[in-house]
Amino acid sequence: MSTFGPCADETKELIGQKAPPLRGVFVTDGVSNSPEQWFELESLRGKTVVVDFWASWCPPCRASVPVLEAFARAHPEVQVLGVNVEGDRDPLFVAQAHRSLGATYPTIHDTNGQLLSAYRVRNLPTIFVIDPDGKVKDTHVGVVSRAWLEEKAGKK
């Protein structure tokens, strides 16, 4: 597992709480800042959302992407979203890395670590399931399984 700091999983403290604001630019083409490219978690109220904090250099992140992609394809009613945490990379690199992993679900780029901090992410990958009311239902650190995703997203 790749880590940034202490191994304690502080994300569990967010379970049952309203998810912190999550806003950013989709990196689909790596350059666009048009209004259509902006994402705001609040716009998905009423929908289950799976958020994956990832980095291209992280082997467990790379192993989780195919699982998340298969889940996203099987459950289009659930929004899967990546959050790349490589603030030192440019958006085009992030977009290409995301595509090279086979991901078709959108990802945003946390260029300043603000989202990483708000979500208390210390280890990668860290996955959040956010319920339709906008509350954190559960979190998972490490390579995620399809069974965990389906159970936590209510798809079993």
N, C-alpha and C. Protein backbone atom coordinates (compact mmCIF):
# COMPACT_ATOMS: atom_id res chain seq x y z
N MET A 1 0.84 -1.18 0.00
CA MET A 1 0.00 0.00 0.00
C MET A 1 0.89 1.24 0.00
N SER A 2 0.54 2.19 -0.79
CA SER A 2 1.30 3.45 -0.84
C SER A 2 0.77 4.38 0.22
N THR A 3 1.66 5.06 0.90
CA THR A 3 1.22 5.96 1.96
C THR A 3 1.87 7.31 1.84
N PHE A 4 1.22 8.31 2.38
CA PHE A 4 1.75 9.66 2.46
C PHE A 4 2.22 9.98 3.86
N GLY A 5 1.61 9.38 4.83
CA GLY A 5 1.90 9.75 6.21
C GLY A 5 1.48 8.65 7.15
N PRO A 6 0.94 9.02 8.31
CA PRO A 6 0.57 8.03 9.31
C PRO A 6 -0.37 6.98 8.72
N CYS A 7 -0.25 5.76 9.20
CA CYS A 7 -1.05 4.67 8.66
C CYS A 7 -2.46 4.65 9.21
N ALA A 8 -2.76 5.43 10.22
CA ALA A 8 -4.11 5.47 10.77
C ALA A 8 -5.08 5.91 9.68
N ASP A 9 -6.20 5.22 9.61
CA ASP A 9 -7.20 5.54 8.59
C ASP A 9 -8.20 6.55 9.16
N GLU A 10 -7.89 7.82 9.00
CA GLU A 10 -8.74 8.89 9.50
C GLU A 10 -10.02 9.05 8.70
N THR A 11 -10.09 8.41 7.53
CA THR A 11 -11.30 8.54 6.70
C THR A 11 -12.51 7.93 7.38
N LYS A 12 -12.31 6.95 8.26
CA LYS A 12 -13.44 6.31 8.95
C LYS A 12 -14.21 7.31 9.80
N GLU A 13 -13.54 8.37 10.23
CA GLU A 13 -14.20 9.40 11.03
C GLU A 13 -15.27 10.14 10.23
N LEU A 14 -15.20 10.06 8.90
CA LEU A 14 -16.16 10.75 8.05
C LEU A 14 -17.44 9.95 7.82
N ILE A 15 -17.42 8.65 8.16
CA ILE A 15 -18.60 7.81 7.92
C ILE A 15 -19.79 8.36 8.69
N GLY A 16 -20.91 8.51 7.98
CA GLY A 16 -22.13 9.06 8.56
C GLY A 16 -22.22 10.57 8.50
N GLN A 17 -21.13 11.21 8.13
CA GLN A 17 -21.08 12.67 8.02
C GLN A 17 -21.36 13.11 6.58
N LYS A 18 -21.78 14.35 6.43
CA LYS A 18 -21.91 14.90 5.09
C LYS A 18 -20.53 14.91 4.44
N ALA A 19 -20.47 14.44 3.19
CA ALA A 19 -19.19 14.40 2.48
C ALA A 19 -18.65 15.82 2.32
N PRO A 20 -17.35 15.99 2.51
CA PRO A 20 -16.77 17.32 2.28
C PRO A 20 -17.02 17.76 0.84
N PRO A 21 -17.03 19.06 0.59
CA PRO A 21 -17.20 19.54 -0.79
C PRO A 21 -16.15 18.92 -1.70
N LEU A 22 -16.57 18.59 -2.89
CA LEU A 22 -15.66 18.00 -3.86
C LEU A 22 -15.96 18.67 -5.19
N ARG A 23 -15.03 19.48 -5.64
CA ARG A 23 -15.22 20.26 -6.86
C ARG A 23 -13.91 20.29 -7.62
N GLY A 24 -14.00 20.17 -8.93
CA GLY A 24 -12.79 20.22 -9.73
C GLY A 24 -13.10 20.16 -11.21
N VAL A 25 -12.04 20.18 -12.00
CA VAL A 25 -12.16 20.14 -13.46
C VAL A 25 -11.89 18.72 -13.93
N PHE A 26 -12.80 18.18 -14.74
CA PHE A 26 -12.54 16.89 -15.36
C PHE A 26 -11.31 17.01 -16.24
N VAL A 27 -10.47 16.01 -16.27
CA VAL A 27 -9.26 16.05 -17.08
C VAL A 27 -9.40 15.18 -18.33
N THR A 28 -10.57 15.18 -18.92
CA THR A 28 -10.82 14.34 -20.08
C THR A 28 -9.91 14.67 -21.24
N ASP A 29 -9.67 15.96 -21.50
CA ASP A 29 -8.77 16.32 -22.59
C ASP A 29 -7.50 17.00 -22.08
N GLY A 30 -7.44 17.16 -20.77
CA GLY A 30 -6.24 17.71 -20.16
C GLY A 30 -6.07 19.20 -20.27
N VAL A 31 -6.93 19.88 -21.01
CA VAL A 31 -6.72 21.31 -21.18
C VAL A 31 -7.97 22.16 -20.98
N SER A 32 -9.13 21.60 -21.11
CA SER A 32 -10.36 22.38 -21.11
C SER A 32 -10.73 22.86 -19.71
N ASN A 33 -11.12 24.11 -19.62
CA ASN A 33 -11.67 24.65 -18.38
C ASN A 33 -13.07 25.19 -18.63
N SER A 34 -13.75 24.66 -19.63
CA SER A 34 -15.09 25.12 -19.93
C SER A 34 -16.03 24.72 -18.80
N PRO A 35 -17.16 25.43 -18.67
CA PRO A 35 -18.10 25.13 -17.58
C PRO A 35 -18.55 23.67 -17.58
N GLU A 36 -18.65 23.03 -18.75
CA GLU A 36 -19.09 21.64 -18.81
C GLU A 36 -18.08 20.71 -18.17
N GLN A 37 -16.84 21.17 -18.06
CA GLN A 37 -15.78 20.34 -17.52
C GLN A 37 -15.72 20.40 -15.99
N TRP A 38 -16.41 21.35 -15.39
CA TRP A 38 -16.39 21.46 -13.94
C TRP A 38 -17.32 20.45 -13.33
N PHE A 39 -16.88 19.86 -12.21
CA PHE A 39 -17.67 18.89 -11.48
C PHE A 39 -17.86 19.38 -10.06
N GLU A 40 -19.05 19.16 -9.54
CA GLU A 40 -19.33 19.46 -8.15
C GLU A 40 -20.15 18.32 -7.57
N LEU A 41 -19.67 17.73 -6.49
CA LEU A 41 -20.34 16.58 -5.88
C LEU A 41 -21.81 16.89 -5.60
N GLU A 42 -22.08 18.08 -5.17
CA GLU A 42 -23.47 18.46 -4.83
C GLU A 42 -24.41 18.26 -6.01
N SER A 43 -23.90 18.34 -7.24
CA SER A 43 -24.75 18.16 -8.43
C SER A 43 -25.25 16.73 -8.57
N LEU A 44 -24.69 15.80 -7.81
CA LEU A 44 -25.09 14.39 -7.89
C LEU A 44 -25.97 13.96 -6.73
N ARG A 45 -26.48 14.93 -5.98
CA ARG A 45 -27.38 14.60 -4.87
C ARG A 45 -28.50 13.72 -5.41
N GLY A 46 -28.84 12.67 -4.68
CA GLY A 46 -29.87 11.72 -5.11
C GLY A 46 -29.28 10.49 -5.78
N LYS A 47 -27.97 10.49 -5.99
CA LYS A 47 -27.28 9.39 -6.64
C LYS A 47 -26.18 8.87 -5.73
N THR A 48 -25.92 7.56 -5.78
CA THR A 48 -24.77 7.01 -5.08
C THR A 48 -23.52 7.34 -5.88
N VAL A 49 -22.46 7.74 -5.18
CA VAL A 49 -21.21 8.14 -5.82
C VAL A 49 -20.06 7.36 -5.19
N VAL A 50 -19.19 6.83 -6.04
CA VAL A 50 -17.97 6.16 -5.58
C VAL A 50 -16.80 7.05 -6.00
N VAL A 51 -16.00 7.47 -5.04
CA VAL A 51 -14.87 8.37 -5.29
C VAL A 51 -13.57 7.63 -4.99
N ASP A 52 -12.67 7.62 -5.96
CA ASP A 52 -11.39 6.92 -5.85
C ASP A 52 -10.25 7.93 -5.88
N PHE A 53 -9.53 8.08 -4.77
CA PHE A 53 -8.33 8.91 -4.73
C PHE A 53 -7.17 8.05 -5.21
N TRP A 54 -6.47 8.52 -6.26
CA TRP A 54 -5.45 7.69 -6.91
C TRP A 54 -4.28 8.51 -7.41
N ALA A 55 -3.19 7.80 -7.75
CA ALA A 55 -2.02 8.39 -8.39
C ALA A 55 -1.47 7.39 -9.40
N SER A 56 -0.88 7.88 -10.45
CA SER A 56 -0.39 7.01 -11.52
C SER A 56 0.79 6.14 -11.07
N TRP A 57 1.56 6.60 -10.09
CA TRP A 57 2.74 5.87 -9.62
C TRP A 57 2.42 4.81 -8.59
N CYS A 58 1.16 4.69 -8.20
CA CYS A 58 0.73 3.82 -7.10
C CYS A 58 0.25 2.46 -7.63
N PRO A 59 1.02 1.37 -7.41
CA PRO A 59 0.59 0.05 -7.91
C PRO A 59 -0.79 -0.39 -7.41
N PRO A 60 -1.14 -0.22 -6.12
CA PRO A 60 -2.50 -0.62 -5.72
C PRO A 60 -3.59 0.21 -6.42
N CYS A 61 -3.29 1.48 -6.71
CA CYS A 61 -4.25 2.31 -7.45
C CYS A 61 -4.46 1.73 -8.83
N ARG A 62 -3.37 1.37 -9.47
CA ARG A 62 -3.43 0.81 -10.82
C ARG A 62 -4.20 -0.51 -10.83
N ALA A 63 -4.10 -1.28 -9.75
CA ALA A 63 -4.84 -2.54 -9.65
C ALA A 63 -6.33 -2.32 -9.40
N SER A 64 -6.68 -1.22 -8.75
CA SER A 64 -8.09 -0.93 -8.45
C SER A 64 -8.86 -0.41 -9.66
N VAL A 65 -8.19 0.28 -10.57
CA VAL A 65 -8.89 0.91 -11.69
C VAL A 65 -9.70 -0.09 -12.51
N PRO A 66 -9.18 -1.27 -12.89
CA PRO A 66 -10.02 -2.20 -13.65
C PRO A 66 -11.26 -2.67 -12.88
N VAL A 67 -11.14 -2.80 -11.57
CA VAL A 67 -12.28 -3.19 -10.74
C VAL A 67 -13.33 -2.07 -10.75
N LEU A 68 -12.87 -0.84 -10.57
CA LEU A 68 -13.78 0.31 -10.59
C LEU A 68 -14.42 0.47 -11.97
N GLU A 69 -13.65 0.27 -13.02
CA GLU A 69 -14.18 0.39 -14.38
C GLU A 69 -15.26 -0.65 -14.64
N ALA A 70 -15.02 -1.90 -14.25
CA ALA A 70 -16.01 -2.96 -14.44
C ALA A 70 -17.28 -2.66 -13.64
N PHE A 71 -17.09 -2.17 -12.42
CA PHE A 71 -18.24 -1.80 -11.59
C PHE A 71 -19.02 -0.66 -12.25
N ALA A 72 -18.32 0.36 -12.74
CA ALA A 72 -18.98 1.51 -13.37
C ALA A 72 -19.78 1.08 -14.60
N ARG A 73 -19.22 0.18 -15.39
CA ARG A 73 -19.94 -0.30 -16.58
C ARG A 73 -21.17 -1.11 -16.21
N ALA A 74 -21.07 -1.91 -15.16
CA ALA A 74 -22.19 -2.76 -14.73
C ALA A 74 -23.28 -1.98 -14.02
N HIS A 75 -22.91 -0.83 -13.44
CA HIS A 75 -23.86 -0.03 -12.65
C HIS A 75 -23.83 1.44 -13.06
N PRO A 76 -24.33 1.75 -14.24
CA PRO A 76 -24.27 3.14 -14.71
C PRO A 76 -25.10 4.10 -13.85
N GLU A 77 -25.97 3.57 -13.02
CA GLU A 77 -26.76 4.42 -12.13
C GLU A 77 -25.93 4.94 -10.95
N VAL A 78 -24.75 4.38 -10.74
CA VAL A 78 -23.81 4.84 -9.71
C VAL A 78 -22.72 5.65 -10.40
N GLN A 79 -22.44 6.82 -9.91
CA GLN A 79 -21.39 7.65 -10.49
C GLN A 79 -20.05 7.28 -9.87
N VAL A 80 -19.12 6.79 -10.69
CA VAL A 80 -17.76 6.54 -10.24
C VAL A 80 -16.92 7.73 -10.68
N LEU A 81 -16.09 8.21 -9.79
CA LEU A 81 -15.28 9.39 -10.05
C LEU A 81 -13.88 9.19 -9.48
N GLY A 82 -12.86 9.47 -10.27
CA GLY A 82 -11.49 9.45 -9.79
C GLY A 82 -11.06 10.83 -9.34
N VAL A 83 -10.16 10.87 -8.37
CA VAL A 83 -9.53 12.12 -7.94
C VAL A 83 -8.02 11.85 -7.94
N ASN A 84 -7.33 12.40 -8.92
CA ASN A 84 -5.89 12.24 -9.00
C ASN A 84 -5.23 13.24 -8.05
N VAL A 85 -4.26 12.73 -7.28
CA VAL A 85 -3.65 13.55 -6.23
C VAL A 85 -2.23 14.00 -6.58
N GLU A 86 -1.83 13.86 -7.83
CA GLU A 86 -0.48 14.24 -8.25
C GLU A 86 -0.45 15.73 -8.62
N GLY A 87 -0.35 16.57 -7.61
CA GLY A 87 -0.38 18.00 -7.82
C GLY A 87 0.75 18.53 -8.68
N ASP A 88 1.85 17.78 -8.76
CA ASP A 88 3.00 18.23 -9.54
C ASP A 88 2.89 17.86 -11.02
N ARG A 89 1.85 17.16 -11.40
CA ARG A 89 1.65 16.75 -12.80
C ARG A 89 0.71 17.72 -13.50
N ASP A 90 0.86 17.80 -14.82
CA ASP A 90 -0.08 18.66 -15.56
C ASP A 90 -1.33 17.84 -15.93
N PRO A 91 -2.42 18.53 -16.21
CA PRO A 91 -3.69 17.84 -16.49
C PRO A 91 -3.61 16.87 -17.68
N LEU A 92 -2.83 17.19 -18.69
CA LEU A 92 -2.71 16.29 -19.83
C LEU A 92 -2.08 14.96 -19.41
N PHE A 93 -1.05 15.00 -18.57
CA PHE A 93 -0.45 13.77 -18.05
C PHE A 93 -1.49 12.95 -17.30
N VAL A 94 -2.26 13.60 -16.43
CA VAL A 94 -3.27 12.91 -15.63
C VAL A 94 -4.32 12.27 -16.54
N ALA A 95 -4.78 13.00 -17.54
CA ALA A 95 -5.77 12.46 -18.48
C ALA A 95 -5.22 11.25 -19.22
N GLN A 96 -3.99 11.33 -19.67
CA GLN A 96 -3.38 10.21 -20.39
C GLN A 96 -3.15 9.01 -19.47
N ALA A 97 -2.73 9.25 -18.24
CA ALA A 97 -2.52 8.17 -17.28
C ALA A 97 -3.84 7.46 -16.99
N HIS A 98 -4.90 8.24 -16.81
CA HIS A 98 -6.22 7.68 -16.53
C HIS A 98 -6.69 6.80 -17.68
N ARG A 99 -6.55 7.32 -18.89
CA ARG A 99 -6.94 6.54 -20.08
C ARG A 99 -6.08 5.30 -20.24
N SER A 100 -4.78 5.42 -19.98
CA SER A 100 -3.87 4.28 -20.16
C SER A 100 -4.19 3.13 -19.21
N LEU A 101 -4.85 3.43 -18.11
CA LEU A 101 -5.27 2.40 -17.17
C LEU A 101 -6.59 1.75 -17.58
N GLY A 102 -7.20 2.26 -18.65
CA GLY A 102 -8.45 1.71 -19.15
C GLY A 102 -9.69 2.31 -18.54
N ALA A 103 -9.54 3.41 -17.81
CA ALA A 103 -10.68 4.03 -17.16
C ALA A 103 -11.45 4.92 -18.13
N THR A 104 -12.76 4.76 -18.13
CA THR A 104 -13.62 5.64 -18.92
C THR A 104 -14.46 6.55 -18.03
N TYR A 105 -14.52 6.25 -16.73
CA TYR A 105 -15.23 7.13 -15.81
C TYR A 105 -14.39 8.40 -15.63
N PRO A 106 -15.01 9.50 -15.27
CA PRO A 106 -14.28 10.77 -15.18
C PRO A 106 -13.32 10.82 -13.99
N THR A 107 -12.32 11.67 -14.13
CA THR A 107 -11.42 11.95 -13.02
C THR A 107 -11.16 13.45 -12.97
N ILE A 108 -10.93 13.94 -11.78
CA ILE A 108 -10.55 15.33 -11.59
C ILE A 108 -9.14 15.35 -11.00
N HIS A 109 -8.52 16.50 -11.02
CA HIS A 109 -7.13 16.65 -10.62
C HIS A 109 -7.06 17.56 -9.40
N ASP A 110 -6.61 17.00 -8.28
CA ASP A 110 -6.46 17.77 -7.04
C ASP A 110 -5.06 18.38 -7.05
N THR A 111 -4.93 19.52 -7.69
CA THR A 111 -3.61 20.12 -7.92
C THR A 111 -2.96 20.70 -6.67
N ASN A 112 -3.77 21.05 -5.68
CA ASN A 112 -3.19 21.70 -4.50
C ASN A 112 -3.35 20.90 -3.21
N GLY A 113 -3.84 19.66 -3.30
CA GLY A 113 -4.00 18.82 -2.13
C GLY A 113 -5.18 19.16 -1.25
N GLN A 114 -6.01 20.08 -1.70
CA GLN A 114 -7.16 20.51 -0.91
C GLN A 114 -8.16 19.37 -0.69
N LEU A 115 -8.44 18.59 -1.74
CA LEU A 115 -9.38 17.49 -1.60
C LEU A 115 -8.79 16.36 -0.76
N LEU A 116 -7.53 16.09 -0.98
CA LEU A 116 -6.80 15.09 -0.20
C LEU A 116 -6.93 15.40 1.29
N SER A 117 -6.75 16.64 1.64
CA SER A 117 -6.83 17.08 3.02
C SER A 117 -8.27 17.02 3.55
N ALA A 118 -9.21 17.53 2.78
CA ALA A 118 -10.61 17.56 3.22
C ALA A 118 -11.16 16.16 3.47
N TYR A 119 -10.72 15.20 2.67
CA TYR A 119 -11.18 13.82 2.80
C TYR A 119 -10.27 12.98 3.71
N ARG A 120 -9.25 13.61 4.31
CA ARG A 120 -8.35 12.97 5.28
C ARG A 120 -7.63 11.75 4.70
N VAL A 121 -7.32 11.81 3.42
CA VAL A 121 -6.66 10.70 2.75
C VAL A 121 -5.17 10.71 3.10
N ARG A 122 -4.68 9.59 3.62
CA ARG A 122 -3.28 9.43 3.98
C ARG A 122 -2.64 8.26 3.24
N ASN A 123 -3.48 7.41 2.65
CA ASN A 123 -3.03 6.21 1.95
C ASN A 123 -3.72 6.12 0.60
N LEU A 124 -3.05 5.49 -0.34
CA LEU A 124 -3.62 5.32 -1.68
C LEU A 124 -3.66 3.85 -2.04
N PRO A 125 -4.68 3.48 -2.80
CA PRO A 125 -5.88 4.25 -3.09
C PRO A 125 -6.80 4.30 -1.87
N THR A 126 -7.62 5.31 -1.80
CA THR A 126 -8.70 5.39 -0.81
C THR A 126 -9.99 5.62 -1.57
N ILE A 127 -10.96 4.76 -1.29
CA ILE A 127 -12.25 4.81 -1.99
C ILE A 127 -13.33 5.20 -0.99
N PHE A 128 -14.21 6.09 -1.41
CA PHE A 128 -15.35 6.52 -0.61
C PHE A 128 -16.63 6.13 -1.33
N VAL A 129 -17.62 5.69 -0.59
CA VAL A 129 -18.97 5.53 -1.12
C VAL A 129 -19.81 6.60 -0.44
N ILE A 130 -20.42 7.43 -1.26
CA ILE A 130 -21.26 8.53 -0.77
C ILE A 130 -22.70 8.21 -1.15
N ASP A 131 -23.58 8.24 -0.17
CA ASP A 131 -24.97 7.85 -0.41
C ASP A 131 -25.75 8.96 -1.11
N PRO A 132 -26.95 8.66 -1.55
CA PRO A 132 -27.74 9.66 -2.28
C PRO A 132 -28.04 10.94 -1.49
N ASP A 133 -27.95 10.88 -0.16
CA ASP A 133 -28.16 12.07 0.67
C ASP A 133 -26.89 12.90 0.83
N GLY A 134 -25.78 12.45 0.22
CA GLY A 134 -24.53 13.20 0.30
C GLY A 134 -23.69 12.87 1.51
N LYS A 135 -23.99 11.76 2.20
CA LYS A 135 -23.22 11.36 3.38
C LYS A 135 -22.26 10.24 3.01
N VAL A 136 -21.11 10.23 3.69
CA VAL A 136 -20.13 9.17 3.50
C VAL A 136 -20.71 7.89 4.11
N LYS A 137 -20.90 6.90 3.26
CA LYS A 137 -21.44 5.61 3.72
C LYS A 137 -20.33 4.70 4.23
N ASP A 138 -19.21 4.67 3.52
CA ASP A 138 -18.08 3.85 3.95
C ASP A 138 -16.84 4.26 3.18
N THR A 139 -15.68 3.80 3.68
CA THR A 139 -14.40 4.07 3.03
C THR A 139 -13.60 2.77 2.98
N HIS A 140 -12.68 2.71 2.04
CA HIS A 140 -11.82 1.55 1.88
C HIS A 140 -10.43 2.02 1.46
N VAL A 141 -9.41 1.50 2.12
CA VAL A 141 -8.03 1.82 1.76
C VAL A 141 -7.40 0.57 1.16
N GLY A 142 -6.76 0.73 0.01
CA GLY A 142 -6.10 -0.39 -0.67
C GLY A 142 -6.89 -0.82 -1.90
N VAL A 143 -6.43 -1.91 -2.51
CA VAL A 143 -7.10 -2.42 -3.71
C VAL A 143 -8.52 -2.82 -3.34
N VAL A 144 -9.47 -2.29 -4.08
CA VAL A 144 -10.88 -2.53 -3.78
C VAL A 144 -11.38 -3.77 -4.54
N SER A 145 -12.37 -4.43 -3.98
CA SER A 145 -12.97 -5.59 -4.66
C SER A 145 -14.34 -5.21 -5.19
N ARG A 146 -14.75 -5.92 -6.21
CA ARG A 146 -16.08 -5.70 -6.79
C ARG A 146 -17.16 -6.01 -5.75
N ALA A 147 -16.94 -7.06 -4.94
CA ALA A 147 -17.92 -7.43 -3.91
C ALA A 147 -18.11 -6.29 -2.91
N TRP A 148 -17.00 -5.65 -2.47
CA TRP A 148 -17.11 -4.54 -1.52
C TRP A 148 -17.89 -3.39 -2.16
N LEU A 149 -17.55 -3.04 -3.39
CA LEU A 149 -18.24 -1.95 -4.08
C LEU A 149 -19.74 -2.23 -4.18
N GLU A 150 -20.09 -3.43 -4.59
CA GLU A 150 -21.51 -3.76 -4.76
C GLU A 150 -22.25 -3.76 -3.44
N GLU A 151 -21.62 -4.27 -2.40
CA GLU A 151 -22.26 -4.27 -1.08
C GLU A 151 -22.47 -2.84 -0.57
N LYS A 152 -21.42 -2.03 -0.62
CA LYS A 152 -21.51 -0.68 -0.05
C LYS A 152 -22.37 0.27 -0.90
N ALA A 153 -22.43 0.02 -2.20
CA ALA A 153 -23.26 0.86 -3.08
C ALA A 153 -24.69 0.32 -3.16
N GLY A 154 -24.97 -0.76 -2.42
CA GLY A 154 -26.33 -1.31 -2.40
C GLY A 154 -26.72 -2.02 -3.69
N LYS A 155 -25.76 -2.66 -4.35
CA LYS A 155 -26.03 -3.30 -5.63
C LYS A 155 -25.96 -4.82 -5.56
N LYS A 156 -25.92 -5.39 -4.35
CA LYS A 156 -25.91 -6.85 -4.19
C LYS A 156 -27.28 -7.40 -4.06
